[in-house]
């Protein structure tokens, strides 16, 4: 199972709005990290070619 799916499922279990916002922020941070890592990897591959 994808980590972002787990974070999204965990956020639905909480009734507290602050906790939901924290989980959504965590999910956004993870997705941003993965996006930056993929972009760096593509740039590195373009340099080698």
PDB file of N, CA and C in Angstrom:
ATOM      1  N   UNK A   1       0.849  -1.180   0.000  1.00  0.00           N
ATOM      2  CA  UNK A   1       0.000   0.000   0.000  1.00  0.00           C
ATOM      3  C   UNK A   1       0.893   1.241   0.000  1.00  0.00           C
ATOM      4  N   UNK A   2       0.474   2.238  -0.690  1.00  0.00           N
ATOM      5  CA  UNK A   2       1.219   3.485  -0.837  1.00  0.00           C
ATOM      6  C   UNK A   2       1.210   4.281   0.479  1.00  0.00           C
ATOM      7  N   UNK A   3       2.341   4.889   0.856  1.00  0.00           N
ATOM      8  CA  UNK A   3       2.370   5.665   2.106  1.00  0.00           C
ATOM      9  C   UNK A   3       1.358   6.807   2.134  1.00  0.00           C
ATOM     10  N   UNK A   4       1.115   7.435   0.994  1.00  0.00           N
ATOM     11  CA  UNK A   4       0.157   8.543   0.980  1.00  0.00           C
ATOM     12  C   UNK A   4      -1.262   8.039   1.222  1.00  0.00           C
ATOM     13  N   UNK A   5      -1.556   6.817   0.775  1.00  0.00           N
ATOM     14  CA  UNK A   5      -2.867   6.230   1.031  1.00  0.00           C
ATOM     15  C   UNK A   5      -3.042   5.958   2.515  1.00  0.00           C
ATOM     16  N   UNK A   6      -1.993   5.470   3.157  1.00  0.00           N
ATOM     17  CA  UNK A   6      -2.053   5.206   4.591  1.00  0.00           C
ATOM     18  C   UNK A   6      -2.255   6.494   5.387  1.00  0.00           C
ATOM     19  N   UNK A   7      -1.560   7.552   4.996  1.00  0.00           N
ATOM     20  CA  UNK A   7      -1.702   8.834   5.688  1.00  0.00           C
ATOM     21  C   UNK A   7      -3.111   9.378   5.495  1.00  0.00           C
ATOM     22  N   UNK A   8      -3.644   9.250   4.280  1.00  0.00           N
ATOM     23  CA  UNK A   8      -5.001   9.716   4.005  1.00  0.00           C
ATOM     24  C   UNK A   8      -6.036   8.933   4.798  1.00  0.00           C
ATOM     25  N   UNK A   9      -5.837   7.625   4.889  1.00  0.00           N
ATOM     26  CA  UNK A   9      -6.768   6.802   5.666  1.00  0.00           C
ATOM     27  C   UNK A   9      -6.685   7.140   7.149  1.00  0.00           C
ATOM     28  N   UNK A  10      -5.492   7.397   7.642  1.00  0.00           N
ATOM     29  CA  UNK A  10      -5.332   7.745   9.052  1.00  0.00           C
ATOM     30  C   UNK A  10      -5.996   9.093   9.354  1.00  0.00           C
ATOM     31  N   UNK A  11      -5.953  10.015   8.412  1.00  0.00           N
ATOM     32  CA  UNK A  11      -6.547  11.329   8.662  1.00  0.00           C
ATOM     33  C   UNK A  11      -8.065  11.256   8.759  1.00  0.00           C
ATOM     34  N   UNK A  12      -8.685  10.266   8.110  1.00  0.00           N
ATOM     35  CA  UNK A  12     -10.137  10.142   8.183  1.00  0.00           C
ATOM     36  C   UNK A  12     -10.600   9.569   9.517  1.00  0.00           C
ATOM     37  N   UNK A  13      -9.692   8.955  10.271  1.00  0.00           N
ATOM     38  CA  UNK A  13     -10.060   8.347  11.552  1.00  0.00           C
ATOM     39  C   UNK A  13     -10.211   9.377  12.666  1.00  0.00           C
ATOM     40  N   UNK A  14      -9.664  10.571  12.473  1.00  0.00           N
ATOM     41  CA  UNK A  14      -9.695  11.584  13.520  1.00  0.00           C
ATOM     42  C   UNK A  14     -10.858  12.542  13.321  1.00  0.00           C
ATOM     43  N   UNK A  15     -11.506  12.885  14.413  1.00  0.00           N
ATOM     44  CA  UNK A  15     -12.581  13.876  14.365  1.00  0.00           C
ATOM     45  C   UNK A  15     -12.047  15.277  14.626  1.00  0.00           C
ATOM     46  N   UNK A  16     -10.854  15.356  15.189  1.00  0.00           N
ATOM     47  CA  UNK A  16     -10.241  16.633  15.516  1.00  0.00           C
ATOM     48  C   UNK A  16      -9.719  17.285  14.232  1.00  0.00           C
ATOM     49  N   UNK A  17     -10.155  18.506  13.965  1.00  0.00           N
ATOM     50  CA  UNK A  17      -9.745  19.195  12.735  1.00  0.00           C
ATOM     51  C   UNK A  17      -8.254  19.467  12.693  1.00  0.00           C
ATOM     52  N   UNK A  18      -7.667  19.763  13.836  1.00  0.00           N
ATOM     53  CA  UNK A  18      -6.221  20.041  13.864  1.00  0.00           C
ATOM     54  C   UNK A  18      -5.426  18.806  13.469  1.00  0.00           C
ATOM     55  N   UNK A  19      -5.862  17.636  13.893  1.00  0.00           N
ATOM     56  CA  UNK A  19      -5.172  16.401  13.523  1.00  0.00           C
ATOM     57  C   UNK A  19      -5.326  16.106  12.037  1.00  0.00           C
ATOM     58  N   UNK A  20      -6.530  16.377  11.494  1.00  0.00           N
ATOM     59  CA  UNK A  20      -6.748  16.170  10.064  1.00  0.00           C
ATOM     60  C   UNK A  20      -5.833  17.073   9.253  1.00  0.00           C
ATOM     61  N   UNK A  21      -5.718  18.329   9.677  1.00  0.00           N
ATOM     62  CA  UNK A  21      -4.851  19.276   8.975  1.00  0.00           C
ATOM     63  C   UNK A  21      -3.389  18.819   9.070  1.00  0.00           C
ATOM     64  N   UNK A  22      -2.994  18.303  10.218  1.00  0.00           N
ATOM     65  CA  UNK A  22      -1.617  17.823  10.390  1.00  0.00           C
ATOM     66  C   UNK A  22      -1.336  16.655   9.452  1.00  0.00           C
ATOM     67  N   UNK A  23      -2.282  15.730   9.316  1.00  0.00           N
ATOM     68  CA  UNK A  23      -2.077  14.588   8.423  1.00  0.00           C
ATOM     69  C   UNK A  23      -2.066  15.009   6.960  1.00  0.00           C
ATOM     70  N   UNK A  24      -2.897  15.959   6.596  1.00  0.00           N
ATOM     71  CA  UNK A  24      -2.899  16.457   5.214  1.00  0.00           C
ATOM     72  C   UNK A  24      -1.576  17.173   4.925  1.00  0.00           C
ATOM     73  N   UNK A  25      -1.067  17.929   5.889  1.00  0.00           N
ATOM     74  CA  UNK A  25       0.225  18.604   5.708  1.00  0.00           C
ATOM     75  C   UNK A  25       1.344  17.576   5.588  1.00  0.00           C
ATOM     76  N   UNK A  26       1.274  16.510   6.365  1.00  0.00           N
ATOM     77  CA  UNK A  26       2.268  15.442   6.276  1.00  0.00           C
ATOM     78  C   UNK A  26       2.223  14.782   4.905  1.00  0.00           C
ATOM     79  N   UNK A  27       1.021  14.539   4.402  1.00  0.00           N
ATOM     80  CA  UNK A  27       0.870  13.938   3.085  1.00  0.00           C
ATOM     81  C   UNK A  27       1.415  14.866   1.998  1.00  0.00           C
ATOM     82  N   UNK A  28       1.123  16.147   2.086  1.00  0.00           N
ATOM     83  CA  UNK A  28       1.627  17.111   1.118  1.00  0.00           C
ATOM     84  C   UNK A  28       3.150  17.190   1.161  1.00  0.00           C
ATOM     85  N   UNK A  29       3.709  17.171   2.362  1.00  0.00           N
ATOM     86  CA  UNK A  29       5.162  17.189   2.498  1.00  0.00           C
ATOM     87  C   UNK A  29       5.804  15.967   1.874  1.00  0.00           C
ATOM     88  N   UNK A  30       5.209  14.803   2.073  1.00  0.00           N
ATOM     89  CA  UNK A  30       5.750  13.570   1.497  1.00  0.00           C
ATOM     90  C   UNK A  30       5.691  13.611  -0.027  1.00  0.00           C
ATOM     91  N   UNK A  31       4.571  14.053  -0.567  1.00  0.00           N
ATOM     92  CA  UNK A  31       4.440  14.129  -2.020  1.00  0.00           C
ATOM     93  C   UNK A  31       5.413  15.138  -2.624  1.00  0.00           C
ATOM     94  N   UNK A  32       5.633  16.246  -1.937  1.00  0.00           N
ATOM     95  CA  UNK A  32       6.602  17.244  -2.400  1.00  0.00           C
ATOM     96  C   UNK A  32       8.005  16.660  -2.397  1.00  0.00           C
ATOM     97  N   UNK A  33       8.347  15.922  -1.340  1.00  0.00           N
ATOM     98  CA  UNK A  33       9.659  15.273  -1.250  1.00  0.00           C
ATOM     99  C   UNK A  33       9.856  14.299  -2.410  1.00  0.00           C
ATOM    100  N   UNK A  34       8.855  13.468  -2.688  1.00  0.00           N
ATOM    101  CA  UNK A  34       8.967  12.502  -3.786  1.00  0.00           C
ATOM    102  C   UNK A  34       9.090  13.221  -5.124  1.00  0.00           C
ATOM    103  N   UNK A  35       8.369  14.329  -5.315  1.00  0.00           N
ATOM    104  CA  UNK A  35       8.434  15.086  -6.562  1.00  0.00           C
ATOM    105  C   UNK A  35       9.832  15.652  -6.772  1.00  0.00           C
ATOM    106  N   UNK A  36      10.411  16.223  -5.719  1.00  0.00           N
ATOM    107  CA  UNK A  36      11.748  16.809  -5.818  1.00  0.00           C
ATOM    108  C   UNK A  36      12.782  15.720  -6.088  1.00  0.00           C
ATOM    109  N   UNK A  37      12.649  14.574  -5.438  1.00  0.00           N
ATOM    110  CA  UNK A  37      13.590  13.481  -5.652  1.00  0.00           C
ATOM    111  C   UNK A  37      13.522  12.988  -7.098  1.00  0.00           C
ATOM    112  N   UNK A  38      12.324  12.844  -7.646  1.00  0.00           N
ATOM    113  CA  UNK A  38      12.180  12.395  -9.033  1.00  0.00           C
ATOM    114  C   UNK A  38      12.748  13.421 -10.001  1.00  0.00           C
ATOM    115  N   UNK A  39      12.552  14.692  -9.702  1.00  0.00           N
ATOM    116  CA  UNK A  39      13.069  15.747 -10.580  1.00  0.00           C
ATOM    117  C   UNK A  39      14.597  15.742 -10.575  1.00  0.00           C
ATOM    118  N   UNK A  40      15.199  15.573  -9.399  1.00  0.00           N
ATOM    119  CA  UNK A  40      16.659  15.512  -9.313  1.00  0.00           C
ATOM    120  C   UNK A  40      17.191  14.303 -10.068  1.00  0.00           C
ATOM    121  N   UNK A  41      16.500  13.188  -9.962  1.00  0.00           N
ATOM    122  CA  UNK A  41      16.927  11.970 -10.640  1.00  0.00           C
ATOM    123  C   UNK A  41      16.885  12.154 -12.154  1.00  0.00           C
ATOM    124  N   UNK A  42      15.840  12.792 -12.653  1.00  0.00           N
ATOM    125  CA  UNK A  42      15.725  13.037 -14.091  1.00  0.00           C
ATOM    126  C   UNK A  42      16.814  13.986 -14.576  1.00  0.00           C
ATOM    127  N   UNK A  43      17.127  15.015 -13.799  1.00  0.00           N
ATOM    128  CA  UNK A  43      18.178  15.955 -14.179  1.00  0.00           C
ATOM    129  C   UNK A  43      19.533  15.241 -14.207  1.00  0.00           C
ATOM    130  N   UNK A  44      19.766  14.348 -13.264  1.00  0.00           N
ATOM    131  CA  UNK A  44      21.014  13.610 -13.214  1.00  0.00           C
ATOM    132  C   UNK A  44      21.145  12.694 -14.431  1.00  0.00           C
ATOM    133  N   UNK A  45      20.047  12.072 -14.840  1.00  0.00           N
ATOM    134  CA  UNK A  45      20.062  11.201 -16.010  1.00  0.00           C
ATOM    135  C   UNK A  45      20.301  12.011 -17.281  1.00  0.00           C
ATOM    136  N   UNK A  46      19.758  13.221 -17.369  1.00  0.00           N
ATOM    137  CA  UNK A  46      19.949  14.065 -18.548  1.00  0.00           C
ATOM    138  C   UNK A  46      21.392  14.529 -18.658  1.00  0.00           C
ATOM    139  N   UNK A  47      22.053  14.757 -17.550  1.00  0.00           N
ATOM    140  CA  UNK A  47      23.454  15.184 -17.556  1.00  0.00           C
ATOM    141  C   UNK A  47      24.341  14.058 -18.070  1.00  0.00           C
ATOM    142  N   UNK A  48      24.046  12.836 -17.670  1.00  0.00           N
ATOM    143  CA  UNK A  48      24.857  11.695 -18.083  1.00  0.00           C
ATOM    144  C   UNK A  48      24.726  11.418 -19.568  1.00  0.00           C
ATOM    145  N   UNK A  49      23.556  11.713 -20.149  1.00  0.00           N
ATOM    146  CA  UNK A  49      23.335  11.435 -21.576  1.00  0.00           C
ATOM    147  C   UNK A  49      23.858  12.544 -22.376  1.00  0.00           C
TER     148      UNK A  49
END
